[in-house]
Amino acid sequence: MRLQISKGEFMKNWQIAERSTSSKSTINSLTGVLLRTADTDSSVLMEATDLKTSIKCISQGVLVEEEGEAVLPVKLVGELFKKAPTNVFTVSITDGKGIIIAGRNKYKFTTYSPREFPKLPVSESAAFFCTATASELLRAASEGTVACTTGEEFPKYLGTAFFQLRDGEMRVVATDGRRLSLSKCSPVRAGENCDFLLPITGVRELQRLLGALDGESPIEILVESTLVFFQMGSMEFSVRRVDTAFPNYENILNPQTTTTMDIDRHELIAALERVDVIVRDFSHMVLIRLSPEGDLLLTGKAPETGAVQEVLDAKIEGESLTVAFNVSFLIEGLKALYGDRVFISFNGPDGQMTMLRPGEKDFLYMAMPIKINESDLLHDEMEEENETEIPE
């Protein structure tokens, strides 16, 4: 195989493919990208996989001078591609040996056998799930996975995103056991009611791919028993499904509320981040006092660090309430919302808190409170009693 490569166009697709390789695998072919000449002399097919996710894409920016295929090691060849001193260079592969010629410079390397590269799944027999625009799918995937854990967790659903299609509406839901995020979108075209679970690592890579596309690009989602395919133009990304059940999350979407608050989102984030400076190495807890027709009071303390009190203007209705939350959970939920204001409802000191965009229901974020000890309340009350005004 012999290719003349224009770095700019080619590297966009190479970088996409190399992220789907496995850097820790003992199987050499999984640490490389398969290049195969396509039907035209101006493109090549790239394939890469870590056995959990796979990608196929057709790359432009190539002049095929001799047909063939080879698996190129990402760690070595990828670096040479990126650092090649010329924008156009030649890659030649013969009997497992490769050479890059860039101007007067030559770089030799060893390739892996294409016969050892796993056969990637095909989507021909997969069932249609839905078609959505890149921007809507990205929004739903980003918002819906805010509450997801990032590691290998048990039960397995804690590290997954639940995709659900019901009556023409798609939902993406995730939970870490203490909080839940749910995002909704309306597909351009929807199939029959269906659902599946995907590992969060695969969803994060999907988000990166979607972020590089035009927002109006159509994304077709296809489903089979063990895999989900995302077709986007000349690219197909597949993710292996997680074989477990997601809990019936609708049972905890409790509409009951005792107190509600409408507040400036940016001001609340800034105040919570200041609280976090004090409590992040101790309890991670922020104590929230809500007074109807009054202000919002945020307090936090750490024995060896200090204490903090923040007072914010807010529109508070319902019952007076003192409740505590993990400050990081609140910040992450607020940052996932866009817009200037946020509507937050509370269900007493032991019930869940729910965040929404005012007047919208396409994204919901829930978090369970932290049980408050009497010592926390007593300390907070004593701090208020001991406050003295600074003379003018």
Protein backbone atom coordinates (compact mmCIF):
# COMPACT_ATOMS: atom_id res chain seq x y z
CA MET A 1 0.00 0.00 0.00
CA ARG A 2 1.21 3.48 -0.85
CA LEU A 3 -0.60 6.68 0.12
CA GLN A 4 0.07 10.37 -0.34
CA ILE A 5 -1.43 12.13 2.67
CA SER A 6 -2.48 15.74 3.22
CA LYS A 7 -2.01 16.17 6.94
CA GLY A 8 -4.88 18.55 7.78
CA GLU A 9 -7.87 16.61 6.45
CA PHE A 10 -6.40 13.18 7.19
CA MET A 11 -5.49 13.94 10.82
CA LYS A 12 -9.05 14.94 11.73
CA ASN A 13 -10.20 11.37 11.08
CA TRP A 14 -7.02 9.75 12.39
CA GLN A 15 -7.47 11.42 15.77
CA ILE A 16 -11.07 10.22 15.92
CA ALA A 17 -10.01 6.65 15.13
CA GLU A 18 -7.05 6.53 17.51
CA ARG A 19 -9.26 7.35 20.51
CA SER A 20 -11.11 4.06 19.96
CA THR A 21 -7.93 1.99 20.21
CA SER A 22 -6.91 0.17 23.38
CA SER A 23 -3.70 1.50 24.92
CA LYS A 24 -3.53 -1.28 27.56
CA SER A 25 -4.30 -4.33 25.43
CA THR A 26 -1.77 -7.13 25.02
CA ILE A 27 -3.23 -7.75 21.54
CA ASN A 28 -1.11 -5.65 19.20
CA SER A 29 -3.80 -5.07 16.60
CA LEU A 30 -6.07 -3.40 19.20
CA THR A 31 -3.42 -0.74 19.76
CA GLY A 32 -3.48 0.24 16.09
CA VAL A 33 -5.70 1.71 13.39
CA LEU A 34 -6.56 -0.38 10.34
CA LEU A 35 -6.13 1.53 7.07
CA ARG A 36 -7.72 0.03 3.98
CA THR A 37 -7.95 1.59 0.54
CA ALA A 38 -11.55 2.38 -0.41
CA ASP A 39 -13.44 2.40 -3.70
CA THR A 40 -11.92 5.71 -4.79
CA ASP A 41 -8.33 6.84 -5.12
CA SER A 42 -8.94 9.88 -2.88
CA SER A 43 -9.97 8.24 0.40
CA VAL A 44 -9.18 5.39 2.80
CA LEU A 45 -11.27 3.47 5.31
CA MET A 46 -10.14 3.67 8.93
CA GLU A 47 -11.19 1.15 11.59
CA ALA A 48 -10.35 0.99 15.29
CA THR A 49 -11.70 -0.81 18.35
CA ASP A 50 -11.08 -1.57 22.01
CA LEU A 51 -13.72 -4.35 21.84
CA LYS A 52 -16.21 -2.19 23.78
CA THR A 53 -16.43 0.61 21.23
CA SER A 54 -15.59 0.57 17.54
CA ILE A 55 -15.38 3.18 14.82
CA LYS A 56 -15.36 3.11 11.05
CA CYS A 57 -14.81 6.27 9.05
CA ILE A 58 -13.84 7.25 5.53
CA SER A 59 -11.00 9.75 5.47
CA GLN A 60 -10.38 12.26 2.72
CA GLY A 61 -7.08 14.04 2.19
CA VAL A 62 -5.50 10.94 0.66
CA LEU A 63 -4.23 10.04 -2.80
CA VAL A 64 -4.06 6.26 -3.22
CA GLU A 65 -1.01 5.38 -5.30
CA GLU A 66 -1.11 1.65 -4.50
CA GLU A 67 -3.98 -0.32 -2.93
CA GLY A 68 -3.67 -2.43 0.20
CA GLU A 69 -4.31 -2.53 3.93
CA ALA A 70 -2.27 -2.36 7.13
CA VAL A 71 -2.66 -1.87 10.88
CA LEU A 72 -0.56 1.09 11.98
CA PRO A 73 0.54 1.32 15.64
CA VAL A 74 -1.03 4.45 17.10
CA LYS A 75 1.61 5.33 19.68
CA LEU A 76 4.50 5.51 17.22
CA VAL A 77 2.96 6.26 13.85
CA GLY A 78 0.39 8.66 15.26
CA GLU A 79 3.16 10.79 16.75
CA LEU A 80 5.08 10.76 13.47
CA PHE A 81 1.96 11.82 11.56
CA LYS A 82 1.34 14.72 13.94
CA LYS A 83 4.95 15.89 13.95
CA ALA A 84 5.74 15.37 10.26
CA PRO A 85 7.69 18.45 9.07
CA THR A 86 5.66 18.79 5.86
CA ASN A 87 1.91 19.12 5.28
CA VAL A 88 2.02 16.46 2.56
CA PHE A 89 3.89 13.19 3.04
CA THR A 90 3.94 9.65 1.67
CA VAL A 91 3.28 6.41 3.58
CA SER A 92 4.37 3.11 2.04
CA ILE A 93 3.72 -0.36 3.51
CA THR A 94 5.43 -3.52 2.22
CA ASP A 95 5.52 -6.91 3.99
CA GLY A 96 4.79 -5.49 7.42
CA LYS A 97 7.34 -2.70 7.14
CA GLY A 98 6.36 0.93 6.74
CA ILE A 99 8.13 4.12 5.77
CA ILE A 100 7.03 7.75 5.94
CA ILE A 101 8.71 10.16 3.55
CA ALA A 102 8.25 13.84 4.40
CA GLY A 103 10.39 16.06 2.21
CA ARG A 104 13.97 14.84 2.59
CA ASN A 105 13.17 12.98 5.81
CA LYS A 106 12.40 9.28 6.25
CA TYR A 107 10.88 7.40 9.19
CA LYS A 108 10.66 3.60 9.28
CA PHE A 109 8.31 1.54 11.44
CA THR A 110 6.79 -1.92 11.82
CA THR A 111 3.09 -2.57 11.20
CA TYR A 112 0.72 -5.25 12.52
CA SER A 113 -0.96 -7.88 10.38
CA PRO A 114 -4.49 -7.01 9.18
CA ARG A 115 -5.36 -10.71 9.65
CA GLU A 116 -5.04 -10.23 13.43
CA PHE A 117 -7.38 -7.24 13.46
CA PRO A 118 -10.85 -8.23 14.75
CA LYS A 119 -13.74 -8.12 12.35
CA LEU A 120 -15.84 -5.15 13.38
CA PRO A 121 -19.60 -5.47 13.85
CA VAL A 122 -21.89 -4.54 10.99
CA SER A 123 -25.23 -2.78 11.31
CA GLU A 124 -27.11 -4.33 8.38
CA SER A 125 -29.37 -6.45 10.62
CA ALA A 126 -29.81 -3.86 13.40
CA ALA A 127 -33.25 -2.38 14.10
CA PHE A 128 -34.00 1.31 13.65
CA PHE A 129 -34.19 3.22 16.96
CA CYS A 130 -34.45 6.87 15.94
CA THR A 131 -32.90 9.73 13.99
CA ALA A 132 -31.95 12.89 15.89
CA THR A 133 -29.92 15.98 15.09
CA ALA A 134 -26.36 16.06 16.43
CA SER A 135 -27.12 19.05 18.67
CA GLU A 136 -30.21 17.47 20.26
CA LEU A 137 -28.52 14.11 20.80
CA LEU A 138 -25.46 15.83 22.28
CA ARG A 139 -27.63 17.89 24.63
CA ALA A 140 -29.59 14.85 25.80
CA ALA A 141 -26.46 12.72 26.26
CA SER A 142 -24.61 15.48 28.13
CA GLU A 143 -27.46 16.47 30.45
CA GLY A 144 -28.79 12.98 30.98
CA THR A 145 -25.46 11.61 32.24
CA VAL A 146 -24.60 14.33 34.77
CA ALA A 147 -25.46 11.97 37.64
CA CYS A 148 -23.51 9.01 36.25
CA THR A 149 -20.46 7.53 37.96
CA THR A 150 -17.30 7.22 35.89
CA GLY A 151 -15.75 3.95 37.09
CA GLU A 152 -16.60 0.27 37.07
CA GLU A 153 -19.42 0.14 39.61
CA PHE A 154 -21.76 -2.42 41.12
CA PRO A 155 -24.65 -2.64 40.46
CA LYS A 156 -23.52 -2.26 36.86
CA TYR A 157 -26.23 0.24 35.94
CA LEU A 158 -24.49 2.90 38.09
CA GLY A 159 -21.84 3.36 35.40
CA THR A 160 -24.26 3.48 32.48
CA ALA A 161 -26.60 5.75 30.55
CA PHE A 162 -30.15 4.51 29.99
CA PHE A 163 -31.51 5.40 26.54
CA GLN A 164 -35.28 5.05 26.32
CA LEU A 165 -37.63 5.66 23.40
CA ARG A 166 -41.28 5.99 24.34
CA ASP A 167 -44.12 7.32 22.19
CA GLY A 168 -41.78 9.31 19.95
CA GLU A 169 -39.79 10.88 22.82
CA MET A 170 -36.21 9.89 23.65
CA ARG A 171 -34.91 10.01 27.21
CA VAL A 172 -31.38 9.66 28.55
CA VAL A 173 -31.22 8.82 32.27
CA ALA A 174 -28.39 8.10 34.72
CA THR A 175 -27.95 7.67 38.46
CA ASP A 176 -25.16 7.12 40.97
CA GLY A 177 -27.52 6.00 43.73
CA ARG A 178 -27.69 9.42 45.40
CA ARG A 179 -28.86 11.52 42.47
CA LEU A 180 -30.53 11.17 39.08
CA SER A 181 -30.38 13.13 35.83
CA LEU A 182 -32.97 12.89 33.05
CA SER A 183 -32.95 14.66 29.70
CA LYS A 184 -35.60 14.48 26.98
CA CYS A 185 -35.52 15.25 23.27
CA SER A 186 -37.82 14.86 20.29
CA PRO A 187 -36.18 12.82 17.50
CA VAL A 188 -36.64 13.79 13.86
CA ARG A 189 -37.93 10.27 13.29
CA ALA A 190 -38.64 7.59 15.89
CA GLY A 191 -38.97 3.83 15.76
CA GLU A 192 -40.85 1.53 18.11
CA ASN A 193 -40.59 1.83 21.89
CA CYS A 194 -37.24 0.44 22.97
CA ASP A 195 -34.49 0.97 25.54
CA PHE A 196 -30.84 0.06 26.14
CA LEU A 197 -27.93 0.70 28.50
CA LEU A 198 -24.52 1.97 27.37
CA PRO A 199 -21.29 2.33 29.40
CA ILE A 200 -20.53 5.92 30.28
CA THR A 201 -17.08 5.70 28.63
CA GLY A 202 -18.75 4.95 25.30
CA VAL A 203 -21.25 7.78 25.77
CA ARG A 204 -18.46 10.26 26.56
CA GLU A 205 -16.71 9.32 23.31
CA LEU A 206 -20.02 9.72 21.46
CA GLN A 207 -20.30 13.22 22.93
CA ARG A 208 -16.84 14.12 21.59
CA LEU A 209 -17.79 12.88 18.12
CA LEU A 210 -21.09 14.79 18.15
CA GLY A 211 -19.39 17.97 19.33
CA ALA A 212 -17.26 18.04 16.17
CA LEU A 213 -20.28 17.86 13.85
CA ASP A 214 -22.64 20.50 12.52
CA GLY A 215 -25.57 20.74 14.93
CA GLU A 216 -28.13 19.94 12.23
CA SER A 217 -26.33 16.78 11.06
CA PRO A 218 -28.71 13.79 11.22
CA ILE A 219 -27.59 10.93 13.49
CA GLU A 220 -29.24 7.57 12.91
CA ILE A 221 -29.29 5.16 15.85
CA LEU A 222 -29.63 1.42 15.22
CA VAL A 223 -29.96 -1.31 17.85
CA GLU A 224 -29.29 -5.02 18.01
CA SER A 225 -29.10 -7.48 20.90
CA THR A 226 -25.55 -6.63 22.01
CA LEU A 227 -24.64 -3.42 20.18
CA VAL A 228 -25.85 0.08 19.38
CA PHE A 229 -24.75 1.87 16.20
CA PHE A 230 -24.55 5.62 15.66
CA GLN A 231 -24.33 6.51 11.97
CA MET A 232 -23.17 10.05 11.21
CA GLY A 233 -22.30 10.81 7.61
CA SER A 234 -19.24 8.80 6.56
CA MET A 235 -18.67 7.62 10.13
CA GLU A 236 -20.19 4.75 12.12
CA PHE A 237 -19.58 4.46 15.86
CA SER A 238 -20.71 1.36 17.74
CA VAL A 239 -20.90 0.70 21.48
CA ARG A 240 -21.38 -2.63 23.23
CA ARG A 241 -24.52 -2.66 25.38
CA VAL A 242 -24.38 -3.31 29.13
CA ASP A 243 -26.35 -6.43 29.97
CA THR A 244 -28.24 -5.41 33.10
CA ALA A 245 -31.53 -3.80 34.09
CA PHE A 246 -31.98 -0.12 34.90
CA PRO A 247 -34.22 0.56 37.92
CA ASN A 248 -37.71 1.93 37.44
CA TYR A 249 -36.68 5.54 37.90
CA GLU A 250 -40.21 6.85 37.40
CA ASN A 251 -41.10 5.57 40.86
CA ILE A 252 -38.90 8.26 42.41
CA LEU A 253 -40.08 11.16 40.25
CA ASN A 254 -42.10 12.37 43.22
CA PRO A 255 -44.13 15.49 42.41
CA GLN A 256 -44.62 16.34 46.10
CA THR A 257 -42.89 19.54 47.25
CA THR A 258 -42.85 21.50 50.49
CA THR A 259 -40.67 24.44 49.42
CA THR A 260 -39.73 25.98 46.07
CA MET A 261 -37.08 28.47 45.07
CA ASP A 262 -36.43 30.54 41.93
CA ILE A 263 -32.91 31.98 41.95
CA ASP A 264 -30.17 33.38 39.72
CA ARG A 265 -28.21 30.34 38.57
CA HIS A 266 -24.86 32.09 38.16
CA GLU A 267 -24.99 33.68 41.62
CA LEU A 268 -25.89 30.36 43.24
CA ILE A 269 -23.03 28.54 41.48
CA ALA A 270 -20.53 31.20 42.56
CA ALA A 271 -21.73 31.08 46.18
CA LEU A 272 -21.59 27.27 46.31
CA GLU A 273 -18.08 27.26 44.86
CA ARG A 274 -16.98 29.57 47.68
CA VAL A 275 -18.58 27.22 50.21
CA ASP A 276 -16.76 24.34 48.52
CA VAL A 277 -13.40 26.03 49.19
CA ILE A 278 -14.04 25.57 52.91
CA VAL A 279 -15.76 22.16 53.05
CA ARG A 280 -14.24 20.14 50.19
CA ASP A 281 -11.50 18.57 52.35
CA PHE A 282 -13.86 17.75 55.21
CA SER A 283 -17.60 17.04 54.95
CA HIS A 284 -18.45 18.29 51.42
CA MET A 285 -21.69 19.43 53.07
CA VAL A 286 -23.53 22.72 52.61
CA LEU A 287 -26.38 23.56 54.97
CA ILE A 288 -29.25 25.38 53.27
CA ARG A 289 -31.82 27.49 55.12
CA LEU A 290 -34.86 28.61 53.14
CA SER A 291 -37.26 31.21 54.54
CA PRO A 292 -40.41 32.08 52.56
CA GLU A 293 -40.45 35.76 51.64
CA GLY A 294 -36.86 35.88 52.91
CA ASP A 295 -33.30 35.16 51.82
CA LEU A 296 -31.40 31.97 51.05
CA LEU A 297 -28.72 31.20 53.65
CA LEU A 298 -25.83 28.85 52.81
CA THR A 299 -23.42 27.73 55.54
CA GLY A 300 -20.52 25.33 55.72
CA LYS A 301 -17.75 24.49 58.16
CA ALA A 302 -14.57 22.45 58.54
CA PRO A 303 -12.95 22.16 62.01
CA GLU A 304 -9.37 22.76 60.86
CA THR A 305 -10.17 25.13 58.00
CA GLY A 306 -12.89 27.57 58.92
CA ALA A 307 -16.51 28.41 58.24
CA VAL A 308 -18.51 30.20 55.58
CA GLN A 309 -21.88 31.93 55.37
CA GLU A 310 -23.46 33.16 52.13
CA VAL A 311 -26.73 35.11 51.85
CA LEU A 312 -28.49 35.29 48.47
CA ASP A 313 -31.66 36.88 47.15
CA ALA A 314 -34.20 34.30 46.01
CA LYS A 315 -37.92 33.88 45.46
CA ILE A 316 -38.86 31.27 48.08
CA GLU A 317 -42.35 29.86 48.57
CA GLY A 318 -43.83 27.18 50.83
CA GLU A 319 -42.55 25.99 54.19
CA SER A 320 -39.41 27.10 56.00
CA LEU A 321 -36.73 24.46 55.56
CA THR A 322 -33.25 23.54 56.71
CA VAL A 323 -31.62 20.85 54.58
CA ALA A 324 -28.08 19.71 53.69
CA PHE A 325 -26.54 18.48 50.44
CA ASN A 326 -23.21 17.45 49.00
CA VAL A 327 -22.03 20.78 47.61
CA SER A 328 -20.41 19.15 44.56
CA PHE A 329 -23.70 17.51 43.60
CA LEU A 330 -25.42 20.90 43.60
CA ILE A 331 -22.68 22.59 41.56
CA GLU A 332 -22.63 19.83 38.93
CA GLY A 333 -26.40 19.95 38.52
CA LEU A 334 -26.48 23.74 38.23
CA LYS A 335 -23.69 23.78 35.65
CA ALA A 336 -25.59 21.29 33.49
CA LEU A 337 -28.48 23.75 33.25
CA TYR A 338 -28.22 26.66 30.85
CA GLY A 339 -30.01 29.99 31.25
CA ASP A 340 -29.89 32.71 33.86
CA ARG A 341 -32.27 31.24 36.42
CA VAL A 342 -33.04 27.86 37.99
CA PHE A 343 -36.20 26.54 39.66
CA ILE A 344 -35.51 24.22 42.62
CA SER A 345 -38.12 22.29 44.57
CA PHE A 346 -37.59 20.56 47.93
CA ASN A 347 -39.55 17.79 49.60
CA GLY A 348 -38.79 18.36 53.27
CA PRO A 349 -35.46 17.67 55.05
CA ASP A 350 -35.36 14.01 54.01
CA GLY A 351 -36.87 14.09 50.50
CA GLN A 352 -35.25 14.68 47.14
CA MET A 353 -34.38 18.06 45.65
CA THR A 354 -35.28 18.68 42.00
CA MET A 355 -33.75 21.24 39.63
CA LEU A 356 -35.48 22.43 36.46
CA ARG A 357 -35.12 25.23 33.96
CA PRO A 358 -37.98 27.65 34.72
CA GLY A 359 -40.92 26.89 32.44
CA GLU A 360 -39.23 23.84 30.86
CA LYS A 361 -39.39 20.10 31.50
CA ASP A 362 -36.80 18.73 29.06
CA PHE A 363 -34.12 18.35 31.77
CA LEU A 364 -34.49 17.27 35.38
CA TYR A 365 -31.79 16.82 38.01
CA MET A 366 -32.47 15.24 41.40
CA ALA A 367 -30.31 14.78 44.49
CA MET A 368 -30.96 13.23 47.89
CA PRO A 369 -30.07 15.27 50.98
CA ILE A 370 -27.49 14.47 53.65
CA LYS A 371 -28.89 13.52 57.04
CA ILE A 372 -28.26 16.42 59.39
CA ASN A 373 -26.90 15.76 62.87
CA GLU A 374 -28.12 17.84 65.80
CA SER A 375 -24.55 19.04 66.27
CA ASP A 376 -24.60 20.56 62.77
CA LEU A 377 -27.75 22.53 63.55
CA LEU A 378 -26.53 23.53 67.02
CA HIS A 379 -23.20 24.76 65.65
CA ASP A 380 -24.99 26.73 62.95
CA GLU A 381 -27.33 28.39 65.46
CA MET A 382 -24.46 29.26 67.80
CA GLU A 383 -22.54 30.85 64.95
CA GLU A 384 -25.54 33.07 64.17
CA GLU A 385 -25.95 34.07 67.84
CA ASN A 386 -22.27 34.93 68.20
CA GLU A 387 -22.19 37.20 65.16
CA THR A 388 -21.55 40.85 65.96
CA GLU A 389 -21.94 43.82 63.71
CA ILE A 390 -18.81 45.67 62.66
CA PRO A 391 -19.05 49.29 63.79
CA GLU A 392 -19.05 51.90 61.06
